[in-house]
Amino acid sequence: MNRIDSARHGYEACSGQFDKQQDVLKALGLPDNFQSWFAMTVLHMWIYNARLRAEGLEGKEMKQEMFDHIWIDVEIKIHKAGVKTQLSTIMTNLVSAYYGQTLAYDEGLYYGDTVLAGAIWRSVHLADYCADCPLNRLFHFASTRNLMGSEDVDAKQMEALLVYVRKQLQRIDVADRAELLEGRYSFDDVSIL
């Protein structure tokens, strides 16, 4: 399998967590919309990429290909939503959000769970990079809450999400190198609450 196909499979493992982990969204009170999909996809890409960093040049190439795949996927979603205006602004905001989230997660990994929990909370619950985004039409709204979830997040919910992320990081840390680089890795079904 070539690197592009491997990266596509790796990316799909990350983006697929949004649909696969619907109980996580419900437990956290997150709406079923583009922003939640994007935040959860970036979170899982960061988990995958955190491990790929240890894989030298092959890991770097895989990370780049996976990065390319998220933007292909976003472009497809934009096209399906029929968005024809503000494309440049939407893409700029999403790219900035991607880098901001992954940097915040890196800081959390380095500085500890308090910083990581804050980064997750901001990225998942306070995301405002696409508040009026027409892409949210792609997804059924699971609730009538605002598009970004809620600023009032239960501490037990955040602790559960942090535990979920830590379990995923621990599992991917011991994953087989070939499985990762070939895009055959799959995330654990971890109950959040």
C-alpha atoms as a PDB file:
ATOM      1  CA  MET A   1       0.000   0.000   0.000  1.00  0.00           C
ATOM      2  CA  ASN A   2       1.424   3.423  -0.868  1.00  0.00           C
ATOM      3  CA  ARG A   3       1.857   6.268   1.628  1.00  0.00           C
ATOM      4  CA  ILE A   4      -1.172   8.233   0.353  1.00  0.00           C
ATOM      5  CA  ASP A   5      -3.495   5.249   0.776  1.00  0.00           C
ATOM      6  CA  SER A   6      -1.994   4.448   4.172  1.00  0.00           C
ATOM      7  CA  ALA A   7      -2.495   8.048   5.278  1.00  0.00           C
ATOM      8  CA  ARG A   8      -6.074   8.016   4.021  1.00  0.00           C
ATOM      9  CA  HIS A   9      -6.787   4.952   6.151  1.00  0.00           C
ATOM     10  CA  GLY A  10      -5.055   6.556   9.134  1.00  0.00           C
ATOM     11  CA  TYR A  11      -7.031   9.755   8.639  1.00  0.00           C
ATOM     12  CA  GLU A  12     -10.294   7.808   8.327  1.00  0.00           C
ATOM     13  CA  ALA A  13      -9.540   6.128  11.665  1.00  0.00           C
ATOM     14  CA  CYS A  14      -9.355   9.628  13.174  1.00  0.00           C
ATOM     15  CA  SER A  15     -12.325  11.207  11.420  1.00  0.00           C
ATOM     16  CA  GLY A  16     -14.407   8.075  11.900  1.00  0.00           C
ATOM     17  CA  GLN A  17     -14.320   8.503  15.659  1.00  0.00           C
ATOM     18  CA  PHE A  18     -17.017  11.185  15.363  1.00  0.00           C
ATOM     19  CA  ASP A  19     -19.535   8.631  14.112  1.00  0.00           C
ATOM     20  CA  LYS A  20     -18.104   5.691  16.029  1.00  0.00           C
ATOM     21  CA  GLN A  21     -18.092   7.471  19.396  1.00  0.00           C
ATOM     22  CA  GLN A  22     -21.580   9.024  19.381  1.00  0.00           C
ATOM     23  CA  ASP A  23     -21.913   8.095  23.055  1.00  0.00           C
ATOM     24  CA  VAL A  24     -18.974  10.413  23.760  1.00  0.00           C
ATOM     25  CA  LEU A  25     -20.751  13.307  22.034  1.00  0.00           C
ATOM     26  CA  LYS A  26     -23.945  12.621  23.948  1.00  0.00           C
ATOM     27  CA  ALA A  27     -22.130  12.248  27.264  1.00  0.00           C
ATOM     28  CA  LEU A  28     -20.424  15.593  26.693  1.00  0.00           C
ATOM     29  CA  GLY A  29     -23.586  17.285  25.429  1.00  0.00           C
ATOM     30  CA  LEU A  30     -21.972  18.173  22.117  1.00  0.00           C
ATOM     31  CA  PRO A  31     -24.151  18.948  19.114  1.00  0.00           C
ATOM     32  CA  ASP A  32     -23.963  16.765  16.021  1.00  0.00           C
ATOM     33  CA  ASN A  33     -22.534  19.427  13.733  1.00  0.00           C
ATOM     34  CA  PHE A  34     -19.485  20.356  11.703  1.00  0.00           C
ATOM     35  CA  GLN A  35     -17.681  22.014  14.606  1.00  0.00           C
ATOM     36  CA  SER A  36     -17.985  18.955  16.831  1.00  0.00           C
ATOM     37  CA  TRP A  37     -16.839  16.722  13.961  1.00  0.00           C
ATOM     38  CA  PHE A  38     -13.857  18.981  13.292  1.00  0.00           C
ATOM     39  CA  ALA A  39     -12.850  19.262  16.964  1.00  0.00           C
ATOM     40  CA  MET A  40     -13.056  15.502  17.529  1.00  0.00           C
ATOM     41  CA  THR A  41     -11.257  14.731  14.256  1.00  0.00           C
ATOM     42  CA  VAL A  42      -8.402  17.108  15.115  1.00  0.00           C
ATOM     43  CA  LEU A  43      -8.165  15.611  18.608  1.00  0.00           C
ATOM     44  CA  HIS A  44      -7.794  12.093  17.195  1.00  0.00           C
ATOM     45  CA  MET A  45      -5.363  13.255  14.501  1.00  0.00           C
ATOM     46  CA  TRP A  46      -3.253  14.803  17.239  1.00  0.00           C
ATOM     47  CA  ILE A  47      -3.266  11.498  19.143  1.00  0.00           C
ATOM     48  CA  TYR A  48      -2.205   9.633  15.984  1.00  0.00           C
ATOM     49  CA  ASN A  49       0.396  12.262  15.087  1.00  0.00           C
ATOM     50  CA  ALA A  50       1.850  12.294  18.597  1.00  0.00           C
ATOM     51  CA  ARG A  51       2.962   8.716  17.982  1.00  0.00           C
ATOM     52  CA  LEU A  52       4.024   9.294  14.374  1.00  0.00           C
ATOM     53  CA  ARG A  53       6.585  11.851  15.584  1.00  0.00           C
ATOM     54  CA  ALA A  54       8.630   8.961  16.935  1.00  0.00           C
ATOM     55  CA  GLU A  55       8.759   7.267  13.533  1.00  0.00           C
ATOM     56  CA  GLY A  56      11.346   9.428  11.792  1.00  0.00           C
ATOM     57  CA  LEU A  57      11.006  10.374   8.138  1.00  0.00           C
ATOM     58  CA  GLU A  58       8.272   7.822   7.483  1.00  0.00           C
ATOM     59  CA  GLY A  59       6.237   9.211  10.364  1.00  0.00           C
ATOM     60  CA  LYS A  60       6.751  12.761   9.122  1.00  0.00           C
ATOM     61  CA  GLU A  61       5.579  11.821   5.625  1.00  0.00           C
ATOM     62  CA  MET A  62       2.544  10.026   7.048  1.00  0.00           C
ATOM     63  CA  LYS A  63       1.652  13.052   9.191  1.00  0.00           C
ATOM     64  CA  GLN A  64       1.823  15.325   6.142  1.00  0.00           C
ATOM     65  CA  GLU A  65      -0.367  13.038   4.059  1.00  0.00           C
ATOM     66  CA  MET A  66      -2.917  12.771   6.885  1.00  0.00           C
ATOM     67  CA  PHE A  67      -2.886  16.572   7.161  1.00  0.00           C
ATOM     68  CA  ASP A  68      -3.617  16.783   3.439  1.00  0.00           C
ATOM     69  CA  HIS A  69      -6.534  14.372   3.852  1.00  0.00           C
ATOM     70  CA  ILE A  70      -8.340  16.463   6.445  1.00  0.00           C
ATOM     71  CA  TRP A  71      -8.426  19.400   4.030  1.00  0.00           C
ATOM     72  CA  ILE A  72      -9.629  17.193   1.183  1.00  0.00           C
ATOM     73  CA  ASP A  73     -12.406  16.010   3.491  1.00  0.00           C
ATOM     74  CA  VAL A  74     -13.247  19.583   4.546  1.00  0.00           C
ATOM     75  CA  GLU A  75     -13.380  20.664   0.900  1.00  0.00           C
ATOM     76  CA  ILE A  76     -15.768  17.805   0.136  1.00  0.00           C
ATOM     77  CA  LYS A  77     -17.985  18.844   3.046  1.00  0.00           C
ATOM     78  CA  ILE A  78     -17.915  22.454   1.839  1.00  0.00           C
ATOM     79  CA  HIS A  79     -18.902  21.348  -1.649  1.00  0.00           C
ATOM     80  CA  LYS A  80     -21.723  19.122  -0.323  1.00  0.00           C
ATOM     81  CA  ALA A  81     -23.021  21.993   1.815  1.00  0.00           C
ATOM     82  CA  GLY A  82     -23.218  24.169  -1.274  1.00  0.00           C
ATOM     83  CA  VAL A  83     -21.032  26.848   0.282  1.00  0.00           C
ATOM     84  CA  LYS A  84     -19.972  29.328  -2.355  1.00  0.00           C
ATOM     85  CA  THR A  85     -19.064  32.385  -0.304  1.00  0.00           C
ATOM     86  CA  GLN A  86     -16.490  33.057   2.396  1.00  0.00           C
ATOM     87  CA  LEU A  87     -14.509  29.962   1.383  1.00  0.00           C
ATOM     88  CA  SER A  88     -11.178  31.626   1.986  1.00  0.00           C
ATOM     89  CA  THR A  89     -12.248  32.892   5.404  1.00  0.00           C
ATOM     90  CA  ILE A  90     -13.668  29.521   6.415  1.00  0.00           C
ATOM     91  CA  MET A  91     -10.536  27.649   5.348  1.00  0.00           C
ATOM     92  CA  THR A  92      -8.224  30.191   7.011  1.00  0.00           C
ATOM     93  CA  ASN A  93     -10.168  29.896  10.266  1.00  0.00           C
ATOM     94  CA  LEU A  94     -10.141  26.110  10.141  1.00  0.00           C
ATOM     95  CA  VAL A  95      -6.406  25.899   9.429  1.00  0.00           C
ATOM     96  CA  SER A  96      -5.737  28.325  12.301  1.00  0.00           C
ATOM     97  CA  ALA A  97      -7.990  26.268  14.561  1.00  0.00           C
ATOM     98  CA  TYR A  98      -6.172  23.067  13.592  1.00  0.00           C
ATOM     99  CA  TYR A  99      -2.763  24.495  14.454  1.00  0.00           C
ATOM    100  CA  GLY A 100      -4.051  26.182  17.605  1.00  0.00           C
ATOM    101  CA  GLN A 101      -5.666  23.010  18.882  1.00  0.00           C
ATOM    102  CA  THR A 102      -2.696  20.778  18.176  1.00  0.00           C
ATOM    103  CA  LEU A 103      -0.272  23.242  19.768  1.00  0.00           C
ATOM    104  CA  ALA A 104      -2.495  23.500  22.848  1.00  0.00           C
ATOM    105  CA  TYR A 105      -2.646  19.690  23.089  1.00  0.00           C
ATOM    106  CA  ASP A 106       1.149  19.496  22.780  1.00  0.00           C
ATOM    107  CA  GLU A 107       1.514  21.980  25.628  1.00  0.00           C
ATOM    108  CA  GLY A 108      -0.907  19.922  27.679  1.00  0.00           C
ATOM    109  CA  LEU A 109       1.047  16.764  27.013  1.00  0.00           C
ATOM    110  CA  TYR A 110       4.203  18.522  28.164  1.00  0.00           C
ATOM    111  CA  TYR A 111       2.849  20.492  31.140  1.00  0.00           C
ATOM    112  CA  GLY A 112       0.341  17.971  32.496  1.00  0.00           C
ATOM    113  CA  ASP A 113      -3.293  17.082  32.783  1.00  0.00           C
ATOM    114  CA  THR A 114      -4.511  20.476  34.005  1.00  0.00           C
ATOM    115  CA  VAL A 115      -3.167  22.189  30.893  1.00  0.00           C
ATOM    116  CA  LEU A 116      -4.312  19.338  28.639  1.00  0.00           C
ATOM    117  CA  ALA A 117      -7.828  19.429  30.130  1.00  0.00           C
ATOM    118  CA  GLY A 118      -7.954  23.193  29.525  1.00  0.00           C
ATOM    119  CA  ALA A 119      -6.882  22.724  25.924  1.00  0.00           C
ATOM    120  CA  ILE A 120      -9.485  20.039  25.336  1.00  0.00           C
ATOM    121  CA  TRP A 121     -12.192  22.149  26.978  1.00  0.00           C
ATOM    122  CA  ARG A 122     -11.373  25.178  24.826  1.00  0.00           C
ATOM    123  CA  SER A 123     -11.126  23.144  21.637  1.00  0.00           C
ATOM    124  CA  VAL A 124     -14.191  20.989  22.124  1.00  0.00           C
ATOM    125  CA  HIS A 125     -16.547  23.249  24.071  1.00  0.00           C
ATOM    126  CA  LEU A 126     -15.557  26.795  23.207  1.00  0.00           C
ATOM    127  CA  ALA A 127     -14.717  26.437  19.532  1.00  0.00           C
ATOM    128  CA  ASP A 128     -15.870  29.520  17.670  1.00  0.00           C
ATOM    129  CA  TYR A 129     -13.975  29.214  14.405  1.00  0.00           C
ATOM    130  CA  CYS A 130     -17.111  28.310  12.528  1.00  0.00           C
ATOM    131  CA  ALA A 131     -20.008  29.605  14.652  1.00  0.00           C
ATOM    132  CA  ASP A 132     -22.026  30.802  11.662  1.00  0.00           C
ATOM    133  CA  CYS A 133     -20.508  28.248   9.338  1.00  0.00           C
ATOM    134  CA  PRO A 134     -22.854  27.001   6.612  1.00  0.00           C
ATOM    135  CA  LEU A 135     -21.165  23.616   6.986  1.00  0.00           C
ATOM    136  CA  ASN A 136     -23.168  22.992  10.133  1.00  0.00           C
ATOM    137  CA  ARG A 137     -26.129  22.330   7.811  1.00  0.00           C
ATOM    138  CA  LEU A 138     -24.461  19.027   6.955  1.00  0.00           C
ATOM    139  CA  PHE A 139     -25.207  17.549  10.315  1.00  0.00           C
ATOM    140  CA  HIS A 140     -28.401  17.018  12.240  1.00  0.00           C
ATOM    141  CA  PHE A 141     -28.450  19.083  15.417  1.00  0.00           C
ATOM    142  CA  ALA A 142     -28.692  16.749  18.373  1.00  0.00           C
ATOM    143  CA  SER A 143     -29.938  19.527  20.635  1.00  0.00           C
ATOM    144  CA  THR A 144     -31.087  23.116  20.604  1.00  0.00           C
ATOM    145  CA  ARG A 145     -27.980  24.295  22.427  1.00  0.00           C
ATOM    146  CA  ASN A 146     -25.661  26.768  20.764  1.00  0.00           C
ATOM    147  CA  LEU A 147     -23.364  25.515  18.022  1.00  0.00           C
ATOM    148  CA  MET A 148     -20.341  25.259  20.258  1.00  0.00           C
ATOM    149  CA  GLY A 149     -21.806  23.049  22.968  1.00  0.00           C
ATOM    150  CA  SER A 150     -21.771  24.763  26.331  1.00  0.00           C
ATOM    151  CA  GLU A 151     -19.415  26.867  28.390  1.00  0.00           C
ATOM    152  CA  ASP A 152     -20.876  25.168  31.474  1.00  0.00           C
ATOM    153  CA  VAL A 153     -19.095  21.849  31.377  1.00  0.00           C
ATOM    154  CA  ASP A 154     -19.340  19.410  34.221  1.00  0.00           C
ATOM    155  CA  ALA A 155     -15.949  18.679  35.800  1.00  0.00           C
ATOM    156  CA  LYS A 156     -16.696  14.945  35.672  1.00  0.00           C
ATOM    157  CA  GLN A 157     -17.298  15.228  31.906  1.00  0.00           C
ATOM    158  CA  MET A 158     -13.923  16.900  31.418  1.00  0.00           C
ATOM    159  CA  GLU A 159     -12.195  14.370  33.622  1.00  0.00           C
ATOM    160  CA  ALA A 160     -13.804  11.558  31.640  1.00  0.00           C
ATOM    161  CA  LEU A 161     -12.698  13.096  28.329  1.00  0.00           C
ATOM    162  CA  LEU A 162      -9.182  13.563  29.692  1.00  0.00           C
ATOM    163  CA  VAL A 163      -9.105   9.911  30.809  1.00  0.00           C
ATOM    164  CA  TYR A 164     -10.355   8.911  27.341  1.00  0.00           C
ATOM    165  CA  VAL A 165      -7.536  10.885  25.663  1.00  0.00           C
ATOM    166  CA  ARG A 166      -4.932   9.461  28.036  1.00  0.00           C
ATOM    167  CA  LYS A 167      -6.117   5.893  27.377  1.00  0.00           C
ATOM    168  CA  GLN A 168      -5.940   6.474  23.629  1.00  0.00           C
ATOM    169  CA  LEU A 169      -2.440   7.960  23.981  1.00  0.00           C
ATOM    170  CA  GLN A 170      -1.282   4.982  26.069  1.00  0.00           C
ATOM    171  CA  ARG A 171      -2.690   2.492  23.590  1.00  0.00           C
ATOM    172  CA  ILE A 172      -1.221   4.188  20.509  1.00  0.00           C
ATOM    173  CA  ASP A 173       2.137   4.505  22.262  1.00  0.00           C
ATOM    174  CA  VAL A 174       2.519   0.708  22.260  1.00  0.00           C
ATOM    175  CA  ALA A 175       0.937   0.139  18.845  1.00  0.00           C
ATOM    176  CA  ASP A 176       2.844  -1.721  16.179  1.00  0.00           C
ATOM    177  CA  ARG A 177       4.931   0.618  14.009  1.00  0.00           C
ATOM    178  CA  ALA A 178       3.861  -1.037  10.752  1.00  0.00           C
ATOM    179  CA  GLU A 179       0.199  -0.885  11.779  1.00  0.00           C
ATOM    180  CA  LEU A 180       0.531   2.883  12.263  1.00  0.00           C
ATOM    181  CA  LEU A 181       2.511   3.609   9.126  1.00  0.00           C
ATOM    182  CA  GLU A 182       0.211   1.478   6.991  1.00  0.00           C
ATOM    183  CA  GLY A 183      -2.912   3.166   8.384  1.00  0.00           C
ATOM    184  CA  ARG A 184      -4.211  -0.050   9.919  1.00  0.00           C
ATOM    185  CA  TYR A 185      -4.375   1.337  13.459  1.00  0.00           C
ATOM    186  CA  SER A 186      -7.803   1.708  15.012  1.00  0.00           C
ATOM    187  CA  PHE A 187      -8.746   3.548  18.167  1.00  0.00           C
ATOM    188  CA  ASP A 188     -10.144   1.695  21.156  1.00  0.00           C
ATOM    189  CA  ASP A 189     -13.828   1.872  21.918  1.00  0.00           C
ATOM    190  CA  VAL A 190     -13.389   3.602  25.249  1.00  0.00           C
ATOM    191  CA  SER A 191     -16.482   4.438  27.249  1.00  0.00           C
ATOM    192  CA  ILE A 192     -16.352   8.004  28.470  1.00  0.00           C
ATOM    193  CA  LEU A 193     -18.869   7.902  31.303  1.00  0.00           C
END
